[in-house]
């Protein structure tokens, strides 16, 4: 289950070294699928590299917005896991698989009407099995080209003229050069920001807020920050992910670290490792478990500012992904919004970055609303490792896909 939590929290990265480069849209997945499943006798260590004999075959129809129905009319739920896979929960069982793809350094082909081998389990986290899924109606393959490798291998350079243009174009935020960035290549800087975004975006727009959601939001404070709740800081220290595409891991762990602090009133201040390690039975390390996880709003496509505010205040910091443009790396302070400017020197591709929202507020002088966000680029970047970004306008798609978790302290 923890692996799937990682995948859900990762949600935004399309880098091969992080998640997968598959690019499957909502309409690609919606429809009727045949699930071919092995016997349900495994445990959480099950290896699904090889499928094994098929003993269960069922059809599931995935409908708008998130209803799953089997052949007998039993209903459950389903959700996309970004554009890389999907999860179905029905008949007290959960199914998850990545969408199928093939590719190399030059291009990736997504076959959205089939999956890789996936995992299934019951609601008690027992009786594991492997399965594969095939859509009953074909979907045309999707090809996403990649930039030339030689462009990505060039050293990153701080472009002072670009920074000057940013500062001259607006007054909401300031930009500056970071000398420490010159040790990275363009590719490494791209990885720091989450990796390349697919050429065809599958990110949903924020769902319209209901009257009930607006009424709930009206009861919340105008300002809130998990770094200072009655004098207590429930947010773990900012870390630096370096030049690898690991923002999803750092944001996931930052989320869980904050949840543990909140649940124990800071009696536990764990700092979890974002390193990807194999599962083991060694009991030398204490263990923390997650009891639930979900897209804020309940499913992929149901997110908006109102449900994010409610989740943030009532349950703790939330993981989000947003689109990173070339001006963001130079952020120094203020309320960020994309200026529309691009650097002439550094070849840049739109990327998806995963971060942690820890609070929100309103700028006193201008009335501009903002989110307070923890990054993973070290404490010398931005506002002591944090940044503020415009709230209520889905700036850089930050309000389209948030994730919350529930831990067992």
Protein backbone atom coordinates (compact mmCIF):
# COMPACT_ATOMS: atom_id res chain seq x y z
CA UNK A 1 0.00 0.00 0.00
CA UNK A 2 2.86 2.38 0.77
CA UNK A 3 4.12 1.91 -2.79
CA UNK A 4 0.79 3.06 -4.19
CA UNK A 5 0.77 6.03 -1.82
CA UNK A 6 4.16 6.99 -3.29
CA UNK A 7 2.67 6.72 -6.79
CA UNK A 8 -0.36 8.84 -5.93
CA UNK A 9 1.76 11.49 -4.22
CA UNK A 10 4.20 11.40 -7.10
CA UNK A 11 1.36 12.20 -9.45
CA UNK A 12 3.10 14.91 -11.38
CA UNK A 13 6.37 13.65 -12.69
CA UNK A 14 6.75 12.06 -16.09
CA UNK A 15 10.47 11.39 -15.88
CA UNK A 16 11.54 7.83 -16.57
CA UNK A 17 13.75 7.75 -13.47
CA UNK A 18 10.81 8.80 -11.30
CA UNK A 19 7.49 7.40 -12.51
CA UNK A 20 6.73 6.42 -16.12
CA UNK A 21 6.62 8.44 -19.36
CA UNK A 22 3.18 7.11 -20.29
CA UNK A 23 0.69 9.78 -21.33
CA UNK A 24 -2.91 8.54 -21.15
CA UNK A 25 -5.86 10.91 -20.86
CA UNK A 26 -9.14 10.54 -18.97
CA UNK A 27 -11.10 9.71 -22.13
CA UNK A 28 -8.52 7.08 -23.05
CA UNK A 29 -9.23 5.20 -19.82
CA UNK A 30 -12.97 5.75 -19.49
CA UNK A 31 -14.91 2.79 -20.90
CA UNK A 32 -15.12 -0.99 -20.45
CA UNK A 33 -12.07 -3.06 -19.55
CA UNK A 34 -11.40 -6.78 -19.19
CA UNK A 35 -9.32 -7.58 -16.09
CA UNK A 36 -7.43 -10.90 -16.22
CA UNK A 37 -6.34 -11.89 -12.70
CA UNK A 38 -4.26 -14.65 -11.10
CA UNK A 39 -5.22 -16.58 -7.96
CA UNK A 40 -5.61 -14.45 -4.83
CA UNK A 41 -3.17 -16.23 -2.55
CA UNK A 42 -0.24 -13.79 -2.41
CA UNK A 43 0.88 -11.22 0.14
CA UNK A 44 2.38 -7.73 -0.14
CA UNK A 45 5.69 -9.18 -1.39
CA UNK A 46 4.08 -10.60 -4.53
CA UNK A 47 6.15 -10.23 -7.72
CA UNK A 48 4.00 -9.44 -10.74
CA UNK A 49 6.79 -9.33 -13.32
CA UNK A 50 5.42 -12.66 -14.55
CA UNK A 51 1.64 -12.89 -14.60
CA UNK A 52 1.04 -16.60 -13.98
CA UNK A 53 -2.14 -18.61 -14.72
CA UNK A 54 -5.33 -16.55 -15.10
CA UNK A 55 -8.18 -17.74 -12.86
CA UNK A 56 -10.43 -14.66 -12.79
CA UNK A 57 -11.63 -12.63 -15.80
CA UNK A 58 -14.08 -9.79 -15.27
CA UNK A 59 -15.32 -6.74 -17.14
CA UNK A 60 -15.41 -3.37 -15.39
CA UNK A 61 -16.99 -0.26 -16.89
CA UNK A 62 -15.35 3.00 -15.80
CA UNK A 63 -17.81 5.89 -16.10
CA UNK A 64 -17.93 9.65 -15.49
CA UNK A 65 -16.92 11.03 -13.09
CA UNK A 66 -15.50 8.14 -11.03
CA UNK A 67 -17.99 5.23 -11.02
CA UNK A 68 -16.83 1.65 -11.67
CA UNK A 69 -19.45 -1.03 -12.43
CA UNK A 70 -19.01 -4.79 -12.85
CA UNK A 71 -21.04 -7.23 -14.98
CA UNK A 72 -23.53 -7.80 -12.13
CA UNK A 73 -24.23 -4.11 -11.58
CA UNK A 74 -22.11 -3.77 -8.44
CA UNK A 75 -20.66 -0.28 -8.14
CA UNK A 76 -17.34 1.05 -6.90
CA UNK A 77 -14.99 3.89 -7.74
CA UNK A 78 -12.02 4.55 -9.99
CA UNK A 79 -9.47 7.31 -10.49
CA UNK A 80 -6.60 8.13 -12.79
CA UNK A 81 -3.17 8.23 -11.19
CA UNK A 82 -2.07 11.30 -13.13
CA UNK A 83 -1.54 10.20 -16.75
CA UNK A 84 0.42 7.07 -15.89
CA UNK A 85 -2.08 4.51 -14.61
CA UNK A 86 -5.42 4.05 -12.88
CA UNK A 87 -6.89 2.49 -9.74
CA UNK A 88 -10.23 0.70 -9.37
CA UNK A 89 -11.90 -0.05 -6.02
CA UNK A 90 -14.87 -2.41 -6.25
CA UNK A 91 -16.28 -5.46 -4.44
CA UNK A 92 -13.93 -4.87 -1.48
CA UNK A 93 -10.88 -5.15 -3.74
CA UNK A 94 -8.42 -2.61 -5.08
CA UNK A 95 -6.69 -2.82 -8.48
CA UNK A 96 -3.79 -0.70 -9.70
CA UNK A 97 -1.69 -0.89 -12.87
CA UNK A 98 0.46 1.41 -14.98
CA UNK A 99 -0.62 2.17 -18.54
CA UNK A 100 1.51 0.41 -21.15
CA UNK A 101 4.20 2.25 -23.09
CA UNK A 102 7.31 1.64 -25.17
CA UNK A 103 10.08 4.11 -25.89
CA UNK A 104 13.66 5.29 -26.02
CA UNK A 105 15.55 8.58 -25.64
CA UNK A 106 13.90 10.04 -28.75
CA UNK A 107 10.22 9.20 -28.32
CA UNK A 108 7.70 7.38 -26.13
CA UNK A 109 4.64 5.56 -27.48
CA UNK A 110 1.71 5.18 -25.05
CA UNK A 111 -0.71 2.28 -25.59
CA UNK A 112 -3.57 3.50 -23.43
CA UNK A 113 -5.92 0.58 -24.09
CA UNK A 114 -3.76 -1.87 -22.13
CA UNK A 115 -1.72 -2.00 -18.92
CA UNK A 116 1.47 -3.49 -17.63
CA UNK A 117 1.02 -6.25 -15.05
CA UNK A 118 -0.55 -4.69 -11.96
CA UNK A 119 -1.41 -5.53 -8.36
CA UNK A 120 -4.72 -6.35 -6.69
CA UNK A 121 -5.57 -6.88 -3.02
CA UNK A 122 -8.58 -6.89 -0.75
CA UNK A 123 -9.48 -4.09 1.64
CA UNK A 124 -7.69 -5.79 4.53
CA UNK A 125 -4.41 -5.59 2.52
CA UNK A 126 -4.47 -9.38 2.11
CA UNK A 127 -5.09 -11.94 -0.64
CA UNK A 128 -2.86 -10.25 -3.20
CA UNK A 129 -2.89 -11.17 -6.88
CA UNK A 130 -1.51 -9.98 -10.20
CA UNK A 131 -3.59 -8.87 -13.15
CA UNK A 132 -3.48 -7.17 -16.52
CA UNK A 133 -6.21 -5.10 -18.16
CA UNK A 134 -7.27 -4.61 -21.78
CA UNK A 135 -9.85 -2.09 -22.95
CA UNK A 136 -12.63 -3.61 -25.05
CA UNK A 137 -12.42 -0.75 -27.57
CA UNK A 138 -9.05 0.22 -29.09
CA UNK A 139 -7.31 3.55 -28.45
CA UNK A 140 -4.88 4.98 -30.97
CA UNK A 141 -1.26 4.95 -29.74
CA UNK A 142 0.13 8.34 -28.68
CA UNK A 143 3.68 9.40 -29.58
CA UNK A 144 5.53 11.99 -27.48
CA UNK A 145 8.83 13.20 -28.92
CA UNK A 146 11.75 14.17 -26.67
CA UNK A 147 14.27 17.03 -27.05
CA UNK A 148 17.74 16.41 -28.47
CA UNK A 149 20.08 14.97 -25.85
CA UNK A 150 22.91 17.35 -26.75
CA UNK A 151 20.76 20.34 -25.77
CA UNK A 152 20.04 18.83 -22.37
CA UNK A 153 23.71 18.04 -21.68
CA UNK A 154 24.76 21.69 -21.90
CA UNK A 155 25.76 23.39 -18.62
CA UNK A 156 23.03 25.47 -17.01
CA UNK A 157 23.78 29.18 -16.98
CA UNK A 158 22.26 31.97 -14.93
CA UNK A 159 20.88 34.43 -17.48
CA UNK A 160 21.11 37.86 -15.84
CA UNK A 161 19.37 39.63 -18.72
CA UNK A 162 16.44 37.22 -18.32
CA UNK A 163 16.34 37.89 -14.57
CA UNK A 164 16.34 41.66 -15.20
CA UNK A 165 13.42 41.25 -17.60
CA UNK A 166 11.45 39.31 -14.98
CA UNK A 167 11.96 42.01 -12.35
CA UNK A 168 11.07 44.78 -14.82
CA UNK A 169 7.93 43.06 -16.09
CA UNK A 170 6.07 42.82 -12.76
CA UNK A 171 6.24 43.69 -9.06
CA UNK A 172 4.52 40.70 -7.43
CA UNK A 173 7.76 38.74 -6.99
CA UNK A 174 11.50 39.16 -7.41
CA UNK A 175 14.05 37.03 -9.24
CA UNK A 176 17.77 36.55 -8.69
CA UNK A 177 20.66 34.40 -9.90
CA UNK A 178 21.66 31.31 -7.91
CA UNK A 179 25.39 30.59 -8.46
CA UNK A 180 24.98 27.06 -7.08
CA UNK A 181 22.80 26.13 -10.07
CA UNK A 182 25.74 26.38 -12.49
CA UNK A 183 27.04 23.02 -11.26
CA UNK A 184 24.08 21.35 -13.00
CA UNK A 185 23.39 20.60 -16.66
CA UNK A 186 20.15 21.71 -18.28
CA UNK A 187 18.94 18.12 -17.96
CA UNK A 188 19.70 18.06 -14.23
CA UNK A 189 17.88 21.36 -13.73
CA UNK A 190 14.97 19.89 -15.63
CA UNK A 191 15.03 16.87 -13.34
CA UNK A 192 15.06 19.13 -10.27
CA UNK A 193 11.80 20.53 -11.56
CA UNK A 194 10.23 17.10 -11.99
CA UNK A 195 11.15 16.05 -15.50
CA UNK A 196 9.61 16.83 -18.90
CA UNK A 197 5.88 17.21 -19.20
CA UNK A 198 4.17 15.14 -21.92
CA UNK A 199 3.54 17.02 -25.15
CA UNK A 200 -0.20 16.45 -24.68
CA UNK A 201 -1.33 17.44 -21.23
CA UNK A 202 -3.86 15.35 -19.33
CA UNK A 203 -4.09 17.65 -16.34
CA UNK A 204 -7.71 18.40 -15.41
CA UNK A 205 -9.10 21.85 -14.75
CA UNK A 206 -10.23 22.58 -11.18
CA UNK A 207 -13.78 21.39 -10.56
CA UNK A 208 -16.42 24.11 -10.06
CA UNK A 209 -16.93 24.80 -6.37
CA UNK A 210 -20.30 23.79 -4.93
CA UNK A 211 -22.34 26.03 -2.64
CA UNK A 212 -21.52 23.70 0.26
CA UNK A 213 -17.79 23.90 -0.45
CA UNK A 214 -17.92 27.70 -0.58
CA UNK A 215 -19.84 27.81 2.70
CA UNK A 216 -17.25 25.58 4.39
CA UNK A 217 -14.39 27.70 3.09
CA UNK A 218 -16.02 30.87 4.44
CA UNK A 219 -15.60 29.47 7.97
CA UNK A 220 -11.82 29.07 7.62
CA UNK A 221 -9.30 31.67 8.84
CA UNK A 222 -7.97 34.22 6.34
CA UNK A 223 -4.40 33.11 7.04
CA UNK A 224 -3.10 29.68 8.06
CA UNK A 225 0.40 28.22 8.25
CA UNK A 226 1.38 24.78 9.62
CA UNK A 227 4.79 26.27 10.49
CA UNK A 228 3.11 28.36 13.19
CA UNK A 229 -0.03 26.91 14.76
CA UNK A 230 -0.28 28.46 18.21
CA UNK A 231 3.50 28.71 18.23
CA UNK A 232 4.14 25.13 17.06
CA UNK A 233 5.91 24.21 13.81
CA UNK A 234 4.63 20.96 12.31
CA UNK A 235 6.66 21.15 9.08
CA UNK A 236 9.94 19.24 8.77
CA UNK A 237 13.16 20.98 7.63
CA UNK A 238 13.66 21.87 3.97
CA UNK A 239 16.01 19.54 2.11
CA UNK A 240 17.82 19.68 -1.25
CA UNK A 241 17.04 16.95 -3.77
CA UNK A 242 20.13 17.73 -5.86
CA UNK A 243 20.18 17.08 -9.59
CA UNK A 244 18.03 13.95 -9.75
CA UNK A 245 14.34 13.70 -10.58
CA UNK A 246 13.22 12.98 -7.03
CA UNK A 247 10.82 15.81 -6.17
CA UNK A 248 7.99 13.26 -5.89
CA UNK A 249 9.93 11.35 -3.20
CA UNK A 250 10.86 14.46 -1.23
CA UNK A 251 7.31 15.86 -1.37
CA UNK A 252 5.86 12.48 -0.36
CA UNK A 253 8.15 12.18 2.64
CA UNK A 254 7.61 15.84 3.60
CA UNK A 255 3.87 15.16 3.61
CA UNK A 256 4.22 12.08 5.82
CA UNK A 257 6.69 13.84 8.14
CA UNK A 258 4.20 16.64 8.71
CA UNK A 259 1.33 14.21 9.28
CA UNK A 260 3.32 12.38 11.97
CA UNK A 261 4.17 15.66 13.69
CA UNK A 262 0.53 16.77 13.67
CA UNK A 263 -0.85 13.43 14.86
CA UNK A 264 1.61 13.25 17.77
CA UNK A 265 1.61 16.98 18.64
CA UNK A 266 5.31 17.05 17.77
CA UNK A 267 6.17 14.20 20.12
CA UNK A 268 7.56 12.47 17.04
CA UNK A 269 9.63 14.47 14.58
CA UNK A 270 10.70 11.77 12.15
CA UNK A 271 12.68 12.61 9.03
CA UNK A 272 11.92 9.86 6.53
CA UNK A 273 14.31 8.78 3.79
CA UNK A 274 13.23 9.58 0.22
CA UNK A 275 15.68 6.97 -1.03
CA UNK A 276 14.02 4.15 -2.98
CA UNK A 277 14.97 0.93 -1.18
CA UNK A 278 13.70 -2.61 -1.39
CA UNK A 279 11.18 -3.90 1.13
CA UNK A 280 12.86 -5.96 3.85
CA UNK A 281 11.94 -7.85 7.00
CA UNK A 282 14.72 -6.26 9.06
CA UNK A 283 13.04 -4.78 12.13
CA UNK A 284 15.92 -2.49 13.09
CA UNK A 285 13.97 0.51 11.75
CA UNK A 286 10.65 1.56 13.24
CA UNK A 287 7.72 1.54 10.85
CA UNK A 288 4.95 4.01 10.14
CA UNK A 289 1.87 3.03 8.15
CA UNK A 290 -0.65 4.90 6.04
CA UNK A 291 -4.32 4.00 6.48
CA UNK A 292 -5.77 6.04 3.61
CA UNK A 293 -4.80 8.19 0.64
CA UNK A 294 -6.80 10.04 -2.00
CA UNK A 295 -6.92 12.88 -4.44
CA UNK A 296 -8.22 15.98 -2.66
CA UNK A 297 -11.88 16.15 -3.62
CA UNK A 298 -12.16 12.35 -3.69
CA UNK A 299 -10.93 11.48 -7.18
CA UNK A 300 -8.87 12.74 -10.10
CA UNK A 301 -10.64 15.80 -11.52
CA UNK A 302 -12.54 16.83 -8.37
CA UNK A 303 -9.90 19.20 -6.97
CA UNK A 304 -10.31 22.96 -6.54
CA UNK A 305 -9.20 25.79 -4.25
CA UNK A 306 -12.07 25.25 -1.80
CA UNK A 307 -11.49 21.55 -1.12
CA UNK A 308 -7.74 22.19 -0.91
CA UNK A 309 -8.26 24.84 1.77
CA UNK A 310 -10.55 22.53 3.75
CA UNK A 311 -8.14 19.59 3.52
CA UNK A 312 -5.12 21.73 4.39
CA UNK A 313 -6.62 23.16 7.57
CA UNK A 314 -8.41 20.04 8.80
CA UNK A 315 -5.96 17.26 7.88
CA UNK A 316 -2.54 18.85 7.33
CA UNK A 317 -0.19 19.81 4.48
CA UNK A 318 -1.09 18.48 1.04
CA UNK A 319 1.10 17.37 -1.85
CA UNK A 320 0.54 19.10 -5.17
CA UNK A 321 2.07 19.20 -8.60
CA UNK A 322 2.36 22.28 -10.75
CA UNK A 323 3.82 23.33 -14.08
CA UNK A 324 7.31 24.81 -13.84
CA UNK A 325 8.41 27.42 -16.38
CA UNK A 326 11.95 28.73 -16.84
CA UNK A 327 11.34 31.87 -14.76
CA UNK A 328 10.52 29.85 -11.61
CA UNK A 329 14.08 28.67 -10.92
CA UNK A 330 15.12 32.32 -10.37
CA UNK A 331 12.40 32.98 -7.77
CA UNK A 332 13.70 34.97 -4.80
CA UNK A 333 10.60 36.10 -2.93
CA UNK A 334 7.06 37.45 -3.21
CA UNK A 335 3.95 35.89 -4.74
CA UNK A 336 4.96 33.94 -7.83
CA UNK A 337 3.05 33.87 -11.09
CA UNK A 338 4.38 32.92 -14.50
CA UNK A 339 5.53 36.05 -16.32
CA UNK A 340 5.28 34.57 -19.80
CA UNK A 341 8.99 35.30 -20.33
CA UNK A 342 11.48 32.62 -21.37
CA UNK A 343 15.27 32.53 -21.24
CA UNK A 344 17.09 32.86 -24.56
CA UNK A 345 20.08 30.85 -23.37
CA UNK A 346 18.86 27.74 -21.59
CA UNK A 347 16.82 25.34 -23.75
CA UNK A 348 13.77 24.66 -21.63
CA UNK A 349 10.86 22.25 -21.67
CA UNK A 350 7.76 22.61 -19.52
CA UNK A 351 8.07 20.34 -16.49
CA UNK A 352 5.92 19.01 -13.66
CA UNK A 353 7.16 19.52 -10.11
CA UNK A 354 5.79 18.01 -6.88
CA UNK A 355 5.84 20.14 -3.73
CA UNK A 356 4.01 20.50 -0.39
CA UNK A 357 1.45 23.20 0.43
CA UNK A 358 1.77 24.12 4.11
CA UNK A 359 -0.37 27.25 4.36
CA UNK A 360 -2.14 30.13 2.68
CA UNK A 361 -2.81 33.83 3.13
CA UNK A 362 -3.63 37.20 1.60
CA UNK A 363 -1.11 39.95 0.84
CA UNK A 364 -2.14 42.88 3.04
CA UNK A 365 -1.16 45.68 0.63
CA UNK A 366 -2.58 44.25 -2.58
CA UNK A 367 -5.22 41.76 -1.46
CA UNK A 368 -3.56 39.08 -3.60
CA UNK A 369 -4.26 35.55 -2.33
CA UNK A 370 -1.44 33.02 -2.12
CA UNK A 371 -0.42 29.50 -1.15
CA UNK A 372 2.65 28.88 1.04
CA UNK A 373 4.64 26.00 -0.45
CA UNK A 374 7.63 23.93 0.68
CA UNK A 375 10.13 23.17 -2.08
CA UNK A 376 13.03 20.69 -2.13
CA UNK A 377 15.80 22.91 -3.51
CA UNK A 378 17.51 23.73 -0.21
CA UNK A 379 17.07 26.51 2.34
CA UNK A 380 19.00 29.13 0.36
CA UNK A 381 16.45 29.13 -2.46
CA UNK A 382 13.37 31.37 -2.37
CA UNK A 383 11.96 32.33 1.02
CA UNK A 384 14.11 30.04 3.19
CA UNK A 385 13.32 27.11 0.91
CA UNK A 386 9.62 27.99 0.59
CA UNK A 387 7.73 30.02 -1.99
CA UNK A 388 4.39 31.73 -2.28
CA UNK A 389 2.28 31.37 -5.41
CA UNK A 390 -0.92 33.05 -6.57
CA UNK A 391 -4.05 31.34 -5.18
CA UNK A 392 -7.55 31.06 -6.60
CA UNK A 393 -6.60 31.23 -10.29
CA UNK A 394 -5.08 27.75 -10.74
CA UNK A 395 -1.70 29.39 -11.31
CA UNK A 396 0.53 26.94 -13.19
CA UNK A 397 -2.20 24.31 -12.61
CA UNK A 398 -1.40 24.12 -8.88
CA UNK A 399 -5.10 23.74 -7.94
CA UNK A 400 -5.89 20.86 -10.30
CA UNK A 401 -4.38 17.83 -8.60
CA UNK A 402 -3.64 17.70 -4.86
CA UNK A 403 -3.22 14.60 -2.68
CA UNK A 404 -3.85 13.95 1.02
CA UNK A 405 -2.94 11.01 3.23
CA UNK A 406 -3.89 9.65 6.65
CA UNK A 407 -1.12 8.12 8.75
CA UNK A 408 -1.26 5.76 11.72
CA UNK A 409 1.01 7.44 14.31
